[in-house]
Protein backbone atom coordinates (compact mmCIF):
# COMPACT_ATOMS: atom_id res chain seq x y z
CA UNK A 1 4.83 -55.50 -0.21
CA UNK A 2 6.08 -52.18 1.21
CA UNK A 3 9.09 -52.52 3.45
CA UNK A 4 9.62 -50.41 6.60
CA UNK A 5 12.66 -48.75 4.99
CA UNK A 6 10.62 -47.72 1.94
CA UNK A 7 7.94 -46.26 4.24
CA UNK A 8 10.58 -44.21 6.10
CA UNK A 9 12.11 -42.94 2.86
CA UNK A 10 8.67 -41.93 1.57
CA UNK A 11 7.78 -40.22 4.85
CA UNK A 12 11.10 -38.37 4.92
CA UNK A 13 10.60 -37.21 1.33
CA UNK A 14 7.11 -35.91 2.10
CA UNK A 15 8.35 -34.13 5.22
CA UNK A 16 11.14 -32.44 3.26
CA UNK A 17 8.73 -31.28 0.57
CA UNK A 18 6.27 -29.91 3.12
CA UNK A 19 8.96 -28.12 5.12
CA UNK A 20 10.22 -26.43 1.97
CA UNK A 21 6.72 -25.10 1.28
CA UNK A 22 6.34 -23.78 4.80
CA UNK A 23 9.72 -22.03 4.70
CA UNK A 24 8.89 -20.24 1.43
CA UNK A 25 5.47 -19.15 2.63
CA UNK A 26 6.80 -17.98 5.99
CA UNK A 27 9.59 -15.81 4.59
CA UNK A 28 8.32 -13.46 1.87
CA UNK A 29 11.01 -11.19 0.48
CA UNK A 30 8.93 -8.03 0.82
CA UNK A 31 5.31 -7.21 1.65
CA UNK A 32 3.32 -6.96 -1.55
CA UNK A 33 1.05 -3.95 -1.69
CA UNK A 34 -2.04 -3.93 -3.83
CA UNK A 35 -4.69 -1.27 -4.31
CA UNK A 36 -6.99 -1.12 -1.35
CA UNK A 37 -4.59 -2.55 1.19
CA UNK A 38 -3.26 -0.76 4.25
CA UNK A 39 -0.25 0.82 2.46
CA UNK A 40 -2.56 2.68 0.09
CA UNK A 41 -4.79 3.63 2.99
CA UNK A 42 -1.79 4.98 4.90
CA UNK A 43 -0.77 7.09 1.89
CA UNK A 44 -4.31 8.47 1.61
CA UNK A 45 -4.38 9.39 5.31
CA UNK A 46 -0.91 10.95 5.21
CA UNK A 47 -1.84 13.06 2.18
CA UNK A 48 -5.12 14.19 3.74
CA UNK A 49 -3.22 15.34 6.84
CA UNK A 50 -0.53 17.06 4.78
CA UNK A 51 -3.06 18.90 2.61
CA UNK A 52 -5.03 19.99 5.72
CA UNK A 53 -1.80 21.43 7.12
CA UNK A 54 -0.84 23.07 3.81
CA UNK A 55 -4.23 24.69 3.20
CA UNK A 56 -5.31 25.33 6.78
CA UNK A 57 -8.69 23.91 5.79
CA UNK A 58 -10.07 20.98 7.82
CA UNK A 59 -12.59 20.14 5.05
CA UNK A 60 -10.41 17.68 3.08
CA UNK A 61 -11.78 14.53 1.44
CA UNK A 62 -10.00 11.93 -0.67
CA UNK A 63 -11.53 11.76 -4.15
CA UNK A 64 -9.37 8.96 -5.52
CA UNK A 65 -5.93 7.41 -5.35
CA UNK A 66 -3.68 5.48 -7.68
CA UNK A 67 -1.34 3.00 -5.97
CA UNK A 68 2.24 2.55 -7.12
CA UNK A 69 5.26 0.94 -5.45
CA UNK A 70 7.10 4.22 -6.10
CA UNK A 71 4.41 6.33 -4.39
CA UNK A 72 0.63 6.62 -4.28
CA UNK A 73 -0.93 9.58 -6.06
CA UNK A 74 -3.84 10.94 -4.05
CA UNK A 75 -6.36 13.48 -5.38
CA UNK A 76 -8.23 15.37 -2.68
CA UNK A 77 -11.18 17.77 -2.54
CA UNK A 78 -10.56 20.77 -0.28
CA UNK A 79 -13.66 22.73 0.63
CA UNK A 80 -16.32 23.15 -2.03
CA UNK A 81 -14.05 24.12 -4.94
CA UNK A 82 -10.41 23.16 -4.40
CA UNK A 83 -8.75 20.07 -5.85
CA UNK A 84 -5.29 19.09 -4.64
CA UNK A 85 -2.74 16.41 -5.53
CA UNK A 86 -0.28 14.68 -3.21
CA UNK A 87 2.14 11.74 -3.40
CA UNK A 88 2.17 9.48 -0.35
CA UNK A 89 5.02 7.06 0.33
CA UNK A 90 5.11 3.81 2.25
CA UNK A 91 7.27 5.34 5.00
CA UNK A 92 4.49 7.84 5.79
CA UNK A 93 6.08 10.86 4.11
CA UNK A 94 4.41 12.98 1.44
CA UNK A 95 5.61 15.16 -1.42
CA UNK A 96 4.37 17.03 -4.48
CA UNK A 97 1.50 18.74 -2.68
CA UNK A 98 -0.08 21.11 -5.16
CA UNK A 99 -3.37 22.71 -6.05
CA UNK A 100 -4.95 21.50 -9.27
CA UNK A 101 -7.55 24.27 -9.20
CA UNK A 102 -7.24 27.18 -11.61
CA UNK A 103 -7.14 29.83 -8.92
CA UNK A 104 -7.71 32.57 -11.49
CA UNK A 105 -11.31 31.44 -11.81
CA UNK A 106 -12.07 31.47 -8.07
């Protein structure tokens, strides 16, 4: 037969285990970014804006991106012939904006 004290001890143990799970789930150490999530999307948008400003050409389209915690590499098509590269960071800044097109052949 189960005594009332044993029931309370079991209930207390279950409550402690459940509260530990909730605390861990509620307090992640850092947001985890994965390809396709909003951090990559923000990097793509920031790079598109930066390349538009750099080139003065509004016809900028993202071709592809490669997510990294250190910075997302974004490859963009500018106009009909230009290909550009940009690194977008999680704080919204960009760097390494450069043309990948051999301008000697244009």
